[in-house]
């Protein structure tokens, strides 16, 4: 006589395993997307820094109002 669990029990276990595998696969996809987004963030941050350097060369040390583009000069700290 062969020992077996019921068909319903086997179905339940295999469904649970499929669900787990799908979730783990989705996590992998999300981690890959996260990785790509982190690279994009780094690139945008690099561009921001380059723009800051350009603006500082043209206007000096300033604080820019992002609503209307107006700016105020920053006070230079004595070192």
PDB file of N, CA and C in Angstrom:
ATOM      1  N   UNK A   1       0.836  -1.176   0.000  1.00  0.00           N
ATOM      2  CA  UNK A   1       0.000   0.000   0.000  1.00  0.00           C
ATOM      3  C   UNK A   1       0.892   1.254   0.000  1.00  0.00           C
ATOM      4  N   UNK A   2       0.575   2.193  -0.875  1.00  0.00           N
ATOM      5  CA  UNK A   2       1.336   3.425  -1.010  1.00  0.00           C
ATOM      6  C   UNK A   2       0.720   4.506  -0.119  1.00  0.00           C
ATOM      7  N   UNK A   3       1.596   5.207   0.616  1.00  0.00           N
ATOM      8  CA  UNK A   3       1.128   6.283   1.488  1.00  0.00           C
ATOM      9  C   UNK A   3       1.053   7.578   0.684  1.00  0.00           C
ATOM     10  N   UNK A   4      -0.115   8.207   0.678  1.00  0.00           N
ATOM     11  CA  UNK A   4      -0.308   9.455  -0.053  1.00  0.00           C
ATOM     12  C   UNK A   4      -1.223  10.369   0.749  1.00  0.00           C
ATOM     13  N   UNK A   5      -0.972  11.695   0.553  1.00  0.00           N
ATOM     14  CA  UNK A   5      -1.921  12.653   1.100  1.00  0.00           C
ATOM     15  C   UNK A   5      -3.092  12.739   0.137  1.00  0.00           C
ATOM     16  N   UNK A   6      -4.159  13.386   0.555  1.00  0.00           N
ATOM     17  CA  UNK A   6      -5.327  13.471  -0.323  1.00  0.00           C
ATOM     18  C   UNK A   6      -5.048  14.399  -1.491  1.00  0.00           C
ATOM     19  N   UNK A   7      -5.818  14.265  -2.540  1.00  0.00           N
ATOM     20  CA  UNK A   7      -5.706  15.132  -3.718  1.00  0.00           C
ATOM     21  C   UNK A   7      -5.914  16.586  -3.319  1.00  0.00           C
ATOM     22  N   UNK A   8      -6.899  16.848  -2.455  1.00  0.00           N
ATOM     23  CA  UNK A   8      -7.173  18.215  -1.995  1.00  0.00           C
ATOM     24  C   UNK A   8      -5.972  18.792  -1.249  1.00  0.00           C
ATOM     25  N   UNK A   9      -5.348  17.994  -0.410  1.00  0.00           N
ATOM     26  CA  UNK A   9      -4.172  18.450   0.336  1.00  0.00           C
ATOM     27  C   UNK A   9      -3.009  18.739  -0.615  1.00  0.00           C
ATOM     28  N   UNK A  10      -2.806  17.864  -1.582  1.00  0.00           N
ATOM     29  CA  UNK A  10      -1.744  18.061  -2.569  1.00  0.00           C
ATOM     30  C   UNK A  10      -1.998  19.321  -3.380  1.00  0.00           C
ATOM     31  N   UNK A  11      -3.246  19.518  -3.798  1.00  0.00           N
ATOM     32  CA  UNK A  11      -3.608  20.722  -4.551  1.00  0.00           C
ATOM     33  C   UNK A  11      -3.344  21.981  -3.719  1.00  0.00           C
ATOM     34  N   UNK A  12      -3.708  21.914  -2.455  1.00  0.00           N
ATOM     35  CA  UNK A  12      -3.509  23.057  -1.563  1.00  0.00           C
ATOM     36  C   UNK A  12      -2.021  23.386  -1.437  1.00  0.00           C
ATOM     37  N   UNK A  13      -1.208  22.366  -1.232  1.00  0.00           N
ATOM     38  CA  UNK A  13       0.245  22.572  -1.091  1.00  0.00           C
ATOM     39  C   UNK A  13       0.843  23.107  -2.382  1.00  0.00           C
ATOM     40  N   UNK A  14       0.474  22.544  -3.515  1.00  0.00           N
ATOM     41  CA  UNK A  14       1.048  23.013  -4.782  1.00  0.00           C
ATOM     42  C   UNK A  14       0.585  24.431  -5.108  1.00  0.00           C
ATOM     43  N   UNK A  15      -0.665  24.767  -4.784  1.00  0.00           N
ATOM     44  CA  UNK A  15      -1.147  26.142  -4.992  1.00  0.00           C
ATOM     45  C   UNK A  15      -0.367  27.126  -4.121  1.00  0.00           C
ATOM     46  N   UNK A  16      -0.116  26.753  -2.873  1.00  0.00           N
ATOM     47  CA  UNK A  16       0.652  27.608  -1.970  1.00  0.00           C
ATOM     48  C   UNK A  16       2.070  27.799  -2.486  1.00  0.00           C
ATOM     49  N   UNK A  17       2.673  26.737  -2.980  1.00  0.00           N
ATOM     50  CA  UNK A  17       4.038  26.818  -3.498  1.00  0.00           C
ATOM     51  C   UNK A  17       4.090  27.691  -4.743  1.00  0.00           C
ATOM     52  N   UNK A  18       3.081  27.565  -5.619  1.00  0.00           N
ATOM     53  CA  UNK A  18       3.021  28.412  -6.815  1.00  0.00           C
ATOM     54  C   UNK A  18       2.879  29.883  -6.428  1.00  0.00           C
ATOM     55  N   UNK A  19       2.034  30.170  -5.433  1.00  0.00           N
ATOM     56  CA  UNK A  19       1.839  31.544  -4.976  1.00  0.00           C
ATOM     57  C   UNK A  19       3.142  32.104  -4.415  1.00  0.00           C
ATOM     58  N   UNK A  20       3.835  31.301  -3.616  1.00  0.00           N
ATOM     59  CA  UNK A  20       5.107  31.731  -3.050  1.00  0.00           C
ATOM     60  C   UNK A  20       6.126  32.006  -4.146  1.00  0.00           C
ATOM     61  N   UNK A  21       6.220  31.112  -5.108  1.00  0.00           N
ATOM     62  CA  UNK A  21       7.166  31.292  -6.213  1.00  0.00           C
ATOM     63  C   UNK A  21       6.854  32.549  -7.017  1.00  0.00           C
ATOM     64  N   UNK A  22       5.558  32.827  -7.230  1.00  0.00           N
ATOM     65  CA  UNK A  22       5.165  34.022  -7.971  1.00  0.00           C
ATOM     66  C   UNK A  22       5.558  35.268  -7.187  1.00  0.00           C
ATOM     67  N   UNK A  23       5.342  35.268  -5.880  1.00  0.00           N
ATOM     68  CA  UNK A  23       5.705  36.419  -5.056  1.00  0.00           C
ATOM     69  C   UNK A  23       7.216  36.640  -5.052  1.00  0.00           C
ATOM     70  N   UNK A  24       7.971  35.560  -4.962  1.00  0.00           N
ATOM     71  CA  UNK A  24       9.429  35.680  -4.986  1.00  0.00           C
ATOM     72  C   UNK A  24       9.907  36.206  -6.342  1.00  0.00           C
ATOM     73  N   UNK A  25       9.262  35.767  -7.395  1.00  0.00           N
ATOM     74  CA  UNK A  25       9.594  36.271  -8.730  1.00  0.00           C
ATOM     75  C   UNK A  25       9.266  37.752  -8.838  1.00  0.00           C
ATOM     76  N   UNK A  26       8.108  38.152  -8.310  1.00  0.00           N
ATOM     77  CA  UNK A  26       7.722  39.566  -8.333  1.00  0.00           C
ATOM     78  C   UNK A  26       8.702  40.418  -7.538  1.00  0.00           C
ATOM     79  N   UNK A  27       9.179  39.906  -6.421  1.00  0.00           N
ATOM     80  CA  UNK A  27      10.174  40.628  -5.631  1.00  0.00           C
ATOM     81  C   UNK A  27      11.442  40.833  -6.458  1.00  0.00           C
ATOM     82  N   UNK A  28      11.829  39.808  -7.190  1.00  0.00           N
ATOM     83  CA  UNK A  28      13.009  39.929  -8.055  1.00  0.00           C
ATOM     84  C   UNK A  28      12.831  41.012  -9.099  1.00  0.00           C
ATOM     85  N   UNK A  29      11.656  41.062  -9.707  1.00  0.00           N
ATOM     86  CA  UNK A  29      11.370  42.093 -10.712  1.00  0.00           C
ATOM     87  C   UNK A  29      11.405  43.472 -10.059  1.00  0.00           C
ATOM     88  N   UNK A  30      10.782  43.596  -8.889  1.00  0.00           N
ATOM     89  CA  UNK A  30      10.768  44.876  -8.184  1.00  0.00           C
ATOM     90  C   UNK A  30      12.174  45.311  -7.781  1.00  0.00           C
ATOM     91  N   UNK A  31      12.982  44.378  -7.328  1.00  0.00           N
ATOM     92  CA  UNK A  31      14.366  44.709  -6.959  1.00  0.00           C
ATOM     93  C   UNK A  31      15.145  45.180  -8.178  1.00  0.00           C
ATOM     94  N   UNK A  32      14.889  44.562  -9.313  1.00  0.00           N
ATOM     95  CA  UNK A  32      15.552  44.978 -10.545  1.00  0.00           C
ATOM     96  C   UNK A  32      15.116  46.393 -10.928  1.00  0.00           C
ATOM     97  N   UNK A  33      13.823  46.677 -10.807  1.00  0.00           N
ATOM     98  CA  UNK A  33      13.317  48.014 -11.092  1.00  0.00           C
ATOM     99  C   UNK A  33      13.894  49.023 -10.106  1.00  0.00           C
ATOM    100  N   UNK A  34      13.985  48.627  -8.839  1.00  0.00           N
ATOM    101  CA  UNK A  34      14.559  49.499  -7.810  1.00  0.00           C
ATOM    102  C   UNK A  34      16.008  49.828  -8.160  1.00  0.00           C
ATOM    103  N   UNK A  35      16.742  48.829  -8.571  1.00  0.00           N
ATOM    104  CA  UNK A  35      18.148  49.025  -8.938  1.00  0.00           C
ATOM    105  C   UNK A  35      18.271  50.037 -10.079  1.00  0.00           C
ATOM    106  N   UNK A  36      17.425  49.865 -11.089  1.00  0.00           N
ATOM    107  CA  UNK A  36      17.455  50.773 -12.240  1.00  0.00           C
ATOM    108  C   UNK A  36      17.085  52.189 -11.808  1.00  0.00           C
ATOM    109  N   UNK A  37      16.082  52.317 -10.938  1.00  0.00           N
ATOM    110  CA  UNK A  37      15.672  53.640 -10.472  1.00  0.00           C
ATOM    111  C   UNK A  37      16.769  54.298  -9.640  1.00  0.00           C
ATOM    112  N   UNK A  38      17.468  53.525  -8.845  1.00  0.00           N
ATOM    113  CA  UNK A  38      18.569  54.087  -8.058  1.00  0.00           C
ATOM    114  C   UNK A  38      19.662  54.639  -8.972  1.00  0.00           C
ATOM    115  N   UNK A  39      19.923  53.956 -10.084  1.00  0.00           N
ATOM    116  CA  UNK A  39      20.890  54.465 -11.055  1.00  0.00           C
ATOM    117  C   UNK A  39      20.384  55.763 -11.687  1.00  0.00           C
ATOM    118  N   UNK A  40      19.086  55.816 -11.980  1.00  0.00           N
ATOM    119  CA  UNK A  40      18.518  57.031 -12.561  1.00  0.00           C
ATOM    120  C   UNK A  40      18.597  58.187 -11.572  1.00  0.00           C
ATOM    121  N   UNK A  41      18.348  57.910 -10.299  1.00  0.00           N
ATOM    122  CA  UNK A  41      18.453  58.942  -9.262  1.00  0.00           C
ATOM    123  C   UNK A  41      19.876  59.471  -9.202  1.00  0.00           C
ATOM    124  N   UNK A  42      20.845  58.570  -9.246  1.00  0.00           N
ATOM    125  CA  UNK A  42      22.246  58.989  -9.206  1.00  0.00           C
ATOM    126  C   UNK A  42      22.570  59.883 -10.401  1.00  0.00           C
ATOM    127  N   UNK A  43      22.049  59.553 -11.559  1.00  0.00           N
ATOM    128  CA  UNK A  43      22.301  60.354 -12.764  1.00  0.00           C
ATOM    129  C   UNK A  43      21.665  61.734 -12.634  1.00  0.00           C
ATOM    130  N   UNK A  44      20.435  61.802 -12.139  1.00  0.00           N
ATOM    131  CA  UNK A  44      19.773  63.094 -11.963  1.00  0.00           C
ATOM    132  C   UNK A  44      20.523  63.928 -10.930  1.00  0.00           C
ATOM    133  N   UNK A  45      20.962  63.304  -9.843  1.00  0.00           N
ATOM    134  CA  UNK A  45      21.741  64.026  -8.835  1.00  0.00           C
ATOM    135  C   UNK A  45      23.034  64.587  -9.432  1.00  0.00           C
ATOM    136  N   UNK A  46      23.666  63.820 -10.308  1.00  0.00           N
ATOM    137  CA  UNK A  46      24.885  64.294 -10.987  1.00  0.00           C
ATOM    138  C   UNK A  46      24.562  65.509 -11.855  1.00  0.00           C
ATOM    139  N   UNK A  47      23.456  65.438 -12.592  1.00  0.00           N
ATOM    140  CA  UNK A  47      23.047  66.557 -13.437  1.00  0.00           C
ATOM    141  C   UNK A  47      22.727  67.787 -12.592  1.00  0.00           C
ATOM    142  N   UNK A  48      22.076  67.584 -11.450  1.00  0.00           N
ATOM    143  CA  UNK A  48      21.760  68.694 -10.551  1.00  0.00           C
ATOM    144  C   UNK A  48      23.037  69.377 -10.082  1.00  0.00           C
ATOM    145  N   UNK A  49      24.013  68.582  -9.695  1.00  0.00           N
ATOM    146  CA  UNK A  49      25.276  69.151  -9.237  1.00  0.00           C
ATOM    147  C   UNK A  49      25.973  69.928 -10.349  1.00  0.00           C
ATOM    148  N   UNK A  50      25.927  69.409 -11.571  1.00  0.00           N
ATOM    149  CA  UNK A  50      26.530  70.111 -12.705  1.00  0.00           C
ATOM    150  C   UNK A  50      25.820  71.439 -12.953  1.00  0.00           C
ATOM    151  N   UNK A  51      24.499  71.448 -12.842  1.00  0.00           N
ATOM    152  CA  UNK A  51      23.724  72.674 -13.029  1.00  0.00           C
ATOM    153  C   UNK A  51      24.050  73.682 -11.934  1.00  0.00           C
ATOM    154  N   UNK A  52      24.186  73.185 -10.697  1.00  0.00           N
ATOM    155  CA  UNK A  52      24.558  74.083  -9.592  1.00  0.00           C
ATOM    156  C   UNK A  52      25.891  74.771  -9.871  1.00  0.00           C
ATOM    157  N   UNK A  53      26.852  74.018 -10.375  1.00  0.00           N
ATOM    158  CA  UNK A  53      28.172  74.579 -10.684  1.00  0.00           C
ATOM    159  C   UNK A  53      28.041  75.645 -11.772  1.00  0.00           C
ATOM    160  N   UNK A  54      27.273  75.347 -12.818  1.00  0.00           N
ATOM    161  CA  UNK A  54      27.071  76.311 -13.907  1.00  0.00           C
ATOM    162  C   UNK A  54      26.434  77.596 -13.383  1.00  0.00           C
ATOM    163  N   UNK A  55      25.385  77.453 -12.573  1.00  0.00           N
ATOM    164  CA  UNK A  55      24.688  78.622 -12.051  1.00  0.00           C
ATOM    165  C   UNK A  55      25.573  79.423 -11.101  1.00  0.00           C
ATOM    166  N   UNK A  56      26.361  78.724 -10.305  1.00  0.00           N
ATOM    167  CA  UNK A  56      27.237  79.424  -9.369  1.00  0.00           C
ATOM    168  C   UNK A  56      28.312  80.205 -10.125  1.00  0.00           C
ATOM    169  N   UNK A  57      28.796  79.676 -11.244  1.00  0.00           N
ATOM    170  CA  UNK A  57      29.774  80.400 -12.061  1.00  0.00           C
ATOM    171  C   UNK A  57      29.168  81.689 -12.611  1.00  0.00           C
ATOM    172  N   UNK A  58      27.896  81.605 -12.991  1.00  0.00           N
ATOM    173  CA  UNK A  58      27.245  82.759 -13.602  1.00  0.00           C
ATOM    174  C   UNK A  58      26.731  83.764 -12.572  1.00  0.00           C
ATOM    175  N   UNK A  59      26.149  83.275 -11.468  1.00  0.00           N
ATOM    176  CA  UNK A  59      25.482  84.159 -10.511  1.00  0.00           C
ATOM    177  C   UNK A  59      26.149  84.218  -9.142  1.00  0.00           C
ATOM    178  N   UNK A  60      27.116  83.369  -8.890  1.00  0.00           N
ATOM    179  CA  UNK A  60      27.692  83.272  -7.552  1.00  0.00           C
ATOM    180  C   UNK A  60      26.827  82.375  -6.680  1.00  0.00           C
ATOM    181  N   UNK A  61      27.086  82.423  -5.390  1.00  0.00           N
ATOM    182  CA  UNK A  61      26.319  81.582  -4.460  1.00  0.00           C
ATOM    183  C   UNK A  61      24.938  82.197  -4.263  1.00  0.00           C
ATOM    184  N   UNK A  62      23.903  81.473  -4.709  1.00  0.00           N
ATOM    185  CA  UNK A  62      22.538  81.997  -4.621  1.00  0.00           C
ATOM    186  C   UNK A  62      21.586  80.921  -4.115  1.00  0.00           C
ATOM    187  N   UNK A  63      20.438  81.386  -3.666  1.00  0.00           N
ATOM    188  CA  UNK A  63      19.338  80.504  -3.300  1.00  0.00           C
ATOM    189  C   UNK A  63      18.212  80.821  -4.279  1.00  0.00           C
ATOM    190  N   UNK A  64      17.749  79.813  -5.029  1.00  0.00           N
ATOM    191  CA  UNK A  64      16.769  80.032  -6.092  1.00  0.00           C
ATOM    192  C   UNK A  64      15.380  79.643  -5.612  1.00  0.00           C
ATOM    193  N   UNK A  65      14.416  80.521  -5.883  1.00  0.00           N
ATOM    194  CA  UNK A  65      13.007  80.222  -5.630  1.00  0.00           C
ATOM    195  C   UNK A  65      12.504  79.410  -6.827  1.00  0.00           C
ATOM    196  N   UNK A  66      12.150  78.167  -6.589  1.00  0.00           N
ATOM    197  CA  UNK A  66      11.734  77.287  -7.685  1.00  0.00           C
ATOM    198  C   UNK A  66      10.336  77.600  -8.195  1.00  0.00           C
ATOM    199  N   UNK A  67       9.616  78.461  -7.500  1.00  0.00           N
ATOM    200  CA  UNK A  67       8.283  78.854  -7.962  1.00  0.00           C
ATOM    201  C   UNK A  67       8.368  79.837  -9.130  1.00  0.00           C
ATOM    202  N   UNK A  68       9.261  80.844  -8.980  1.00  0.00           N
ATOM    203  CA  UNK A  68       9.282  81.898  -9.991  1.00  0.00           C
ATOM    204  C   UNK A  68      10.666  82.196 -10.584  1.00  0.00           C
ATOM    205  N   UNK A  69      11.699  81.499 -10.113  1.00  0.00           N
ATOM    206  CA  UNK A  69      13.033  81.696 -10.668  1.00  0.00           C
ATOM    207  C   UNK A  69      13.806  82.845 -10.054  1.00  0.00           C
ATOM    208  N   UNK A  70      13.190  83.554  -9.127  1.00  0.00           N
ATOM    209  CA  UNK A  70      13.929  84.640  -8.472  1.00  0.00           C
ATOM    210  C   UNK A  70      14.991  84.029  -7.568  1.00  0.00           C
ATOM    211  N   UNK A  71      15.996  84.835  -7.241  1.00  0.00           N
ATOM    212  CA  UNK A  71      17.049  84.315  -6.369  1.00  0.00           C
ATOM    213  C   UNK A  71      17.540  85.390  -5.424  1.00  0.00           C
ATOM    214  N   UNK A  72      18.135  84.908  -4.348  1.00  0.00           N
ATOM    215  CA  UNK A  72      18.783  85.803  -3.393  1.00  0.00           C
ATOM    216  C   UNK A  72      20.213  85.328  -3.236  1.00  0.00           C
ATOM    217  N   UNK A  73      21.087  86.301  -3.059  1.00  0.00           N
ATOM    218  CA  UNK A  73      22.492  85.944  -2.878  1.00  0.00           C
ATOM    219  C   UNK A  73      22.688  85.401  -1.460  1.00  0.00           C
ATOM    220  N   UNK A  74      23.539  84.398  -1.355  1.00  0.00           N
ATOM    221  CA  UNK A  74      23.849  83.822  -0.051  1.00  0.00           C
ATOM    222  C   UNK A  74      24.993  84.592   0.568  1.00  0.00           C
ATOM    223  N   UNK A  75      24.900  84.777   1.868  1.00  0.00           N
ATOM    224  CA  UNK A  75      25.985  85.462   2.571  1.00  0.00           C
ATOM    225  C   UNK A  75      27.192  84.553   2.638  1.00  0.00           C
ATOM    226  N   UNK A  76      28.342  85.125   2.378  1.00  0.00           N
ATOM    227  CA  UNK A  76      29.570  84.326   2.450  1.00  0.00           C
ATOM    228  C   UNK A  76      30.011  84.237   3.897  1.00  0.00           C
ATOM    229  N   UNK A  77      30.297  83.028   4.334  1.00  0.00           N
ATOM    230  CA  UNK A  77      30.767  82.808   5.696  1.00  0.00           C
ATOM    231  C   UNK A  77      32.263  83.084   5.758  1.00  0.00           C
ATOM    232  N   UNK A  78      32.664  83.792   6.782  1.00  0.00           N
ATOM    233  CA  UNK A  78      34.098  84.026   6.971  1.00  0.00           C
ATOM    234  C   UNK A  78      34.740  82.760   7.489  1.00  0.00           C
ATOM    235  N   UNK A  79      35.845  82.393   6.874  1.00  0.00           N
ATOM    236  CA  UNK A  79      36.510  81.156   7.285  1.00  0.00           C
ATOM    237  C   UNK A  79      37.637  81.433   8.226  1.00  0.00           C
TER     238      UNK A  79
END
